[in-house]
Amino acid sequence: MDYTARQLTLFYREAIRHEREAQAAAIVAANLGFAGGKEARRAVDALRRED
């Protein structure tokens, strides 16, 4: 299947956006880990909570 240049560009932009979001999340997680305290506990609890 052939993709248009526009489709490839949109896919690339979306992939970059996801990568940047993952990097931002890793920075926040590391910051919470080092800072500790109530904010870190709330973040971990929120991640472990099942909806």
PDB file of N, CA and C in Angstrom:
ATOM      1  N   MET A   1       0.846  -1.177   0.000  1.00  0.00           N
ATOM      2  CA  MET A   1       0.000   0.000   0.000  1.00  0.00           C
ATOM      3  C   MET A   1       0.895   1.244   0.000  1.00  0.00           C
ATOM      4  N   ASP A   2       0.600   2.158  -0.860  1.00  0.00           N
ATOM      5  CA  ASP A   2       1.368   3.395  -0.949  1.00  0.00           C
ATOM      6  C   ASP A   2       0.715   4.479  -0.094  1.00  0.00           C
ATOM      7  N   TYR A   3       1.552   5.230   0.570  1.00  0.00           N
ATOM      8  CA  TYR A   3       1.071   6.330   1.402  1.00  0.00           C
ATOM      9  C   TYR A   3       1.442   7.651   0.736  1.00  0.00           C
ATOM     10  N   THR A   4       0.585   8.645   0.929  1.00  0.00           N
ATOM     11  CA  THR A   4       0.888   9.965   0.398  1.00  0.00           C
ATOM     12  C   THR A   4       1.886  10.664   1.313  1.00  0.00           C
ATOM     13  N   ALA A   5       2.506  11.702   0.793  1.00  0.00           N
ATOM     14  CA  ALA A   5       3.446  12.472   1.601  1.00  0.00           C
ATOM     15  C   ALA A   5       2.735  13.079   2.802  1.00  0.00           C
ATOM     16  N   ARG A   6       1.511  13.506   2.606  1.00  0.00           N
ATOM     17  CA  ARG A   6       0.742  14.088   3.712  1.00  0.00           C
ATOM     18  C   ARG A   6       0.481  13.056   4.803  1.00  0.00           C
ATOM     19  N   GLN A   7       0.111  11.842   4.420  1.00  0.00           N
ATOM     20  CA  GLN A   7      -0.129  10.786   5.402  1.00  0.00           C
ATOM     21  C   GLN A   7       1.142  10.477   6.192  1.00  0.00           C
ATOM     22  N   LEU A   8       2.263  10.397   5.504  1.00  0.00           N
ATOM     23  CA  LEU A   8       3.532  10.121   6.176  1.00  0.00           C
ATOM     24  C   LEU A   8       3.898  11.255   7.130  1.00  0.00           C
ATOM     25  N   THR A   9       3.682  12.488   6.705  1.00  0.00           N
ATOM     26  CA  THR A   9       3.976  13.644   7.549  1.00  0.00           C
ATOM     27  C   THR A   9       3.112  13.634   8.793  1.00  0.00           C
ATOM     28  N   LEU A  10       1.826  13.370   8.621  1.00  0.00           N
ATOM     29  CA  LEU A  10       0.919  13.327   9.781  1.00  0.00           C
ATOM     30  C   LEU A  10       1.301  12.202  10.734  1.00  0.00           C
ATOM     31  N   PHE A  11       1.644  11.037  10.187  1.00  0.00           N
ATOM     32  CA  PHE A  11       2.061   9.918  11.024  1.00  0.00           C
ATOM     33  C   PHE A  11       3.330  10.267  11.790  1.00  0.00           C
ATOM     34  N   TYR A  12       4.293  10.878  11.099  1.00  0.00           N
ATOM     35  CA  TYR A  12       5.552  11.261  11.741  1.00  0.00           C
ATOM     36  C   TYR A  12       5.298  12.253  12.871  1.00  0.00           C
ATOM     37  N   ARG A  13       4.483  13.270  12.613  1.00  0.00           N
ATOM     38  CA  ARG A  13       4.176  14.265  13.650  1.00  0.00           C
ATOM     39  C   ARG A  13       3.516  13.620  14.865  1.00  0.00           C
ATOM     40  N   GLU A  14       2.611  12.687  14.623  1.00  0.00           N
ATOM     41  CA  GLU A  14       1.935  11.999  15.727  1.00  0.00           C
ATOM     42  C   GLU A  14       2.921  11.137  16.514  1.00  0.00           C
ATOM     43  N   ALA A  15       3.830  10.469  15.813  1.00  0.00           N
ATOM     44  CA  ALA A  15       4.841   9.651  16.489  1.00  0.00           C
ATOM     45  C   ALA A  15       5.746  10.520  17.360  1.00  0.00           C
ATOM     46  N   ILE A  16       6.156  11.667  16.849  1.00  0.00           N
ATOM     47  CA  ILE A  16       6.993  12.588  17.616  1.00  0.00           C
ATOM     48  C   ILE A  16       6.238  13.100  18.834  1.00  0.00           C
ATOM     49  N   ARG A  17       4.954  13.423  18.657  1.00  0.00           N
ATOM     50  CA  ARG A  17       4.145  13.913  19.773  1.00  0.00           C
ATOM     51  C   ARG A  17       4.068  12.866  20.882  1.00  0.00           C
ATOM     52  N   HIS A  18       3.838  11.610  20.501  1.00  0.00           N
ATOM     53  CA  HIS A  18       3.784  10.534  21.489  1.00  0.00           C
ATOM     54  C   HIS A  18       5.123  10.363  22.201  1.00  0.00           C
ATOM     55  N   GLU A  19       6.198  10.457  21.454  1.00  0.00           N
ATOM     56  CA  GLU A  19       7.536  10.328  22.047  1.00  0.00           C
ATOM     57  C   GLU A  19       7.793  11.447  23.054  1.00  0.00           C
ATOM     58  N   ARG A  20       7.419  12.661  22.691  1.00  0.00           N
ATOM     59  CA  ARG A  20       7.613  13.792  23.598  1.00  0.00           C
ATOM     60  C   ARG A  20       6.756  13.662  24.844  1.00  0.00           C
ATOM     61  N   GLU A  21       5.536  13.180  24.691  1.00  0.00           N
ATOM     62  CA  GLU A  21       4.670  12.951  25.850  1.00  0.00           C
ATOM     63  C   GLU A  21       5.276  11.904  26.780  1.00  0.00           C
ATOM     64  N   ALA A  22       5.846  10.856  26.203  1.00  0.00           N
ATOM     65  CA  ALA A  22       6.482   9.809  27.012  1.00  0.00           C
ATOM     66  C   ALA A  22       7.696  10.365  27.756  1.00  0.00           C
ATOM     67  N   GLN A  23       8.475  11.200  27.098  1.00  0.00           N
ATOM     68  CA  GLN A  23       9.632  11.816  27.745  1.00  0.00           C
ATOM     69  C   GLN A  23       9.190  12.740  28.878  1.00  0.00           C
ATOM     70  N   ALA A  24       8.138  13.506  28.643  1.00  0.00           N
ATOM     71  CA  ALA A  24       7.620  14.400  29.681  1.00  0.00           C
ATOM     72  C   ALA A  24       7.133  13.594  30.875  1.00  0.00           C
ATOM     73  N   ALA A  25       6.448  12.496  30.610  1.00  0.00           N
ATOM     74  CA  ALA A  25       5.961  11.642  31.692  1.00  0.00           C
ATOM     75  C   ALA A  25       7.121  11.057  32.482  1.00  0.00           C
ATOM     76  N   ALA A  26       8.188  10.670  31.804  1.00  0.00           N
ATOM     77  CA  ALA A  26       9.360  10.119  32.498  1.00  0.00           C
ATOM     78  C   ALA A  26      10.019  11.171  33.384  1.00  0.00           C
ATOM     79  N   ILE A  27      10.074  12.406  32.910  1.00  0.00           N
ATOM     80  CA  ILE A  27      10.649  13.484  33.718  1.00  0.00           C
ATOM     81  C   ILE A  27       9.805  13.730  34.963  1.00  0.00           C
ATOM     82  N   VAL A  28       8.507  13.774  34.785  1.00  0.00           N
ATOM     83  CA  VAL A  28       7.607  13.985  35.930  1.00  0.00           C
ATOM     84  C   VAL A  28       7.741  12.837  36.918  1.00  0.00           C
ATOM     85  N   ALA A  29       7.802  11.608  36.416  1.00  0.00           N
ATOM     86  CA  ALA A  29       7.929  10.446  37.293  1.00  0.00           C
ATOM     87  C   ALA A  29       9.235  10.496  38.074  1.00  0.00           C
ATOM     88  N   ALA A  30      10.319  10.847  37.414  1.00  0.00           N
ATOM     89  CA  ALA A  30      11.608  10.941  38.108  1.00  0.00           C
ATOM     90  C   ALA A  30      11.570  12.045  39.162  1.00  0.00           C
ATOM     91  N   ASN A  31      10.969  13.160  38.812  1.00  0.00           N
ATOM     92  CA  ASN A  31      10.860  14.263  39.755  1.00  0.00           C
ATOM     93  C   ASN A  31      10.046  13.855  40.982  1.00  0.00           C
ATOM     94  N   LEU A  32       8.934  13.174  40.761  1.00  0.00           N
ATOM     95  CA  LEU A  32       8.122  12.702  41.886  1.00  0.00           C
ATOM     96  C   LEU A  32       8.897  11.708  42.737  1.00  0.00           C
ATOM     97  N   GLY A  33       9.665  10.846  42.065  1.00  0.00           N
ATOM     98  CA  GLY A  33      10.448   9.857  42.793  1.00  0.00           C
ATOM     99  C   GLY A  33      11.496  10.488  43.696  1.00  0.00           C
ATOM    100  N   PHE A  34      12.148  11.516  43.207  1.00  0.00           N
ATOM    101  CA  PHE A  34      13.168  12.186  44.010  1.00  0.00           C
ATOM    102  C   PHE A  34      12.550  13.072  45.081  1.00  0.00           C
ATOM    103  N   ALA A  35      11.455  13.724  44.754  1.00  0.00           N
ATOM    104  CA  ALA A  35      10.814  14.634  45.710  1.00  0.00           C
ATOM    105  C   ALA A  35      10.102  13.854  46.800  1.00  0.00           C
ATOM    106  N   GLY A  36       9.485  12.741  46.404  1.00  0.00           N
ATOM    107  CA  GLY A  36       8.765  11.923  47.379  1.00  0.00           C
ATOM    108  C   GLY A  36       7.576  12.660  47.957  1.00  0.00           C
ATOM    109  N   GLY A  37       7.209  12.283  49.156  1.00  0.00           N
ATOM    110  CA  GLY A  37       6.139  12.975  49.847  1.00  0.00           C
ATOM    111  C   GLY A  37       4.749  12.598  49.374  1.00  0.00           C
ATOM    112  N   LYS A  38       3.806  13.440  49.744  1.00  0.00           N
ATOM    113  CA  LYS A  38       2.399  13.170  49.468  1.00  0.00           C
ATOM    114  C   LYS A  38       2.093  13.157  47.976  1.00  0.00           C
ATOM    115  N   GLU A  39       2.725  14.049  47.226  1.00  0.00           N
ATOM    116  CA  GLU A  39       2.466  14.106  45.781  1.00  0.00           C
ATOM    117  C   GLU A  39       2.882  12.795  45.105  1.00  0.00           C
ATOM    118  N   ALA A  40       4.016  12.256  45.489  1.00  0.00           N
ATOM    119  CA  ALA A  40       4.477  10.993  44.915  1.00  0.00           C
ATOM    120  C   ALA A  40       3.523   9.863  45.276  1.00  0.00           C
ATOM    121  N   ARG A  41       3.083   9.820  46.519  1.00  0.00           N
ATOM    122  CA  ARG A  41       2.151   8.778  46.967  1.00  0.00           C
ATOM    123  C   ARG A  41       0.839   8.870  46.201  1.00  0.00           C
ATOM    124  N   ARG A  42       0.329  10.094  46.005  1.00  0.00           N
ATOM    125  CA  ARG A  42      -0.921  10.275  45.247  1.00  0.00           C
ATOM    126  C   ARG A  42      -0.754   9.826  43.796  1.00  0.00           C
ATOM    127  N   ALA A  43       0.391  10.137  43.205  1.00  0.00           N
ATOM    128  CA  ALA A  43       0.637   9.744  41.813  1.00  0.00           C
ATOM    129  C   ALA A  43       0.683   8.228  41.679  1.00  0.00           C
ATOM    130  N   VAL A  44       1.362   7.556  42.594  1.00  0.00           N
ATOM    131  CA  VAL A  44       1.444   6.093  42.558  1.00  0.00           C
ATOM    132  C   VAL A  44       0.067   5.480  42.791  1.00  0.00           C
ATOM    133  N   ASP A  45      -0.666   6.002  43.737  1.00  0.00           N
ATOM    134  CA  ASP A  45      -2.009   5.495  44.000  1.00  0.00           C
ATOM    135  C   ASP A  45      -2.923   5.658  42.785  1.00  0.00           C
ATOM    136  N   ALA A  46      -2.811   6.795  42.105  1.00  0.00           N
ATOM    137  CA  ALA A  46      -3.617   7.040  40.915  1.00  0.00           C
ATOM    138  C   ALA A  46      -3.260   6.052  39.799  1.00  0.00           C
ATOM    139  N   LEU A  47      -1.983   5.737  39.663  1.00  0.00           N
ATOM    140  CA  LEU A  47      -1.564   4.787  38.645  1.00  0.00           C
ATOM    141  C   LEU A  47      -2.034   3.365  38.953  1.00  0.00           C
ATOM    142  N   ARG A  48      -2.080   3.032  40.216  1.00  0.00           N
ATOM    143  CA  ARG A  48      -2.472   1.674  40.610  1.00  0.00           C
ATOM    144  C   ARG A  48      -3.976   1.487  40.668  1.00  0.00           C
ATOM    145  N   ARG A  49      -4.703   2.577  40.704  1.00  0.00           N
ATOM    146  CA  ARG A  49      -6.160   2.511  40.824  1.00  0.00           C
ATOM    147  C   ARG A  49      -6.766   1.942  39.546  1.00  0.00           C
ATOM    148  N   GLU A  50      -7.720   1.075  39.721  1.00  0.00           N
ATOM    149  CA  GLU A  50      -8.447   0.517  38.578  1.00  0.00           C
ATOM    150  C   GLU A  50      -9.752   1.261  38.443  1.00  0.00           C
ATOM    151  N   ASP A  51     -10.065   1.626  37.214  1.00  0.00           N
ATOM    152  CA  ASP A  51     -11.321   2.353  36.979  1.00  0.00           C
ATOM    153  C   ASP A  51     -12.448   1.412  36.688  1.00  0.00           C
TER     154      ASP A  51
END
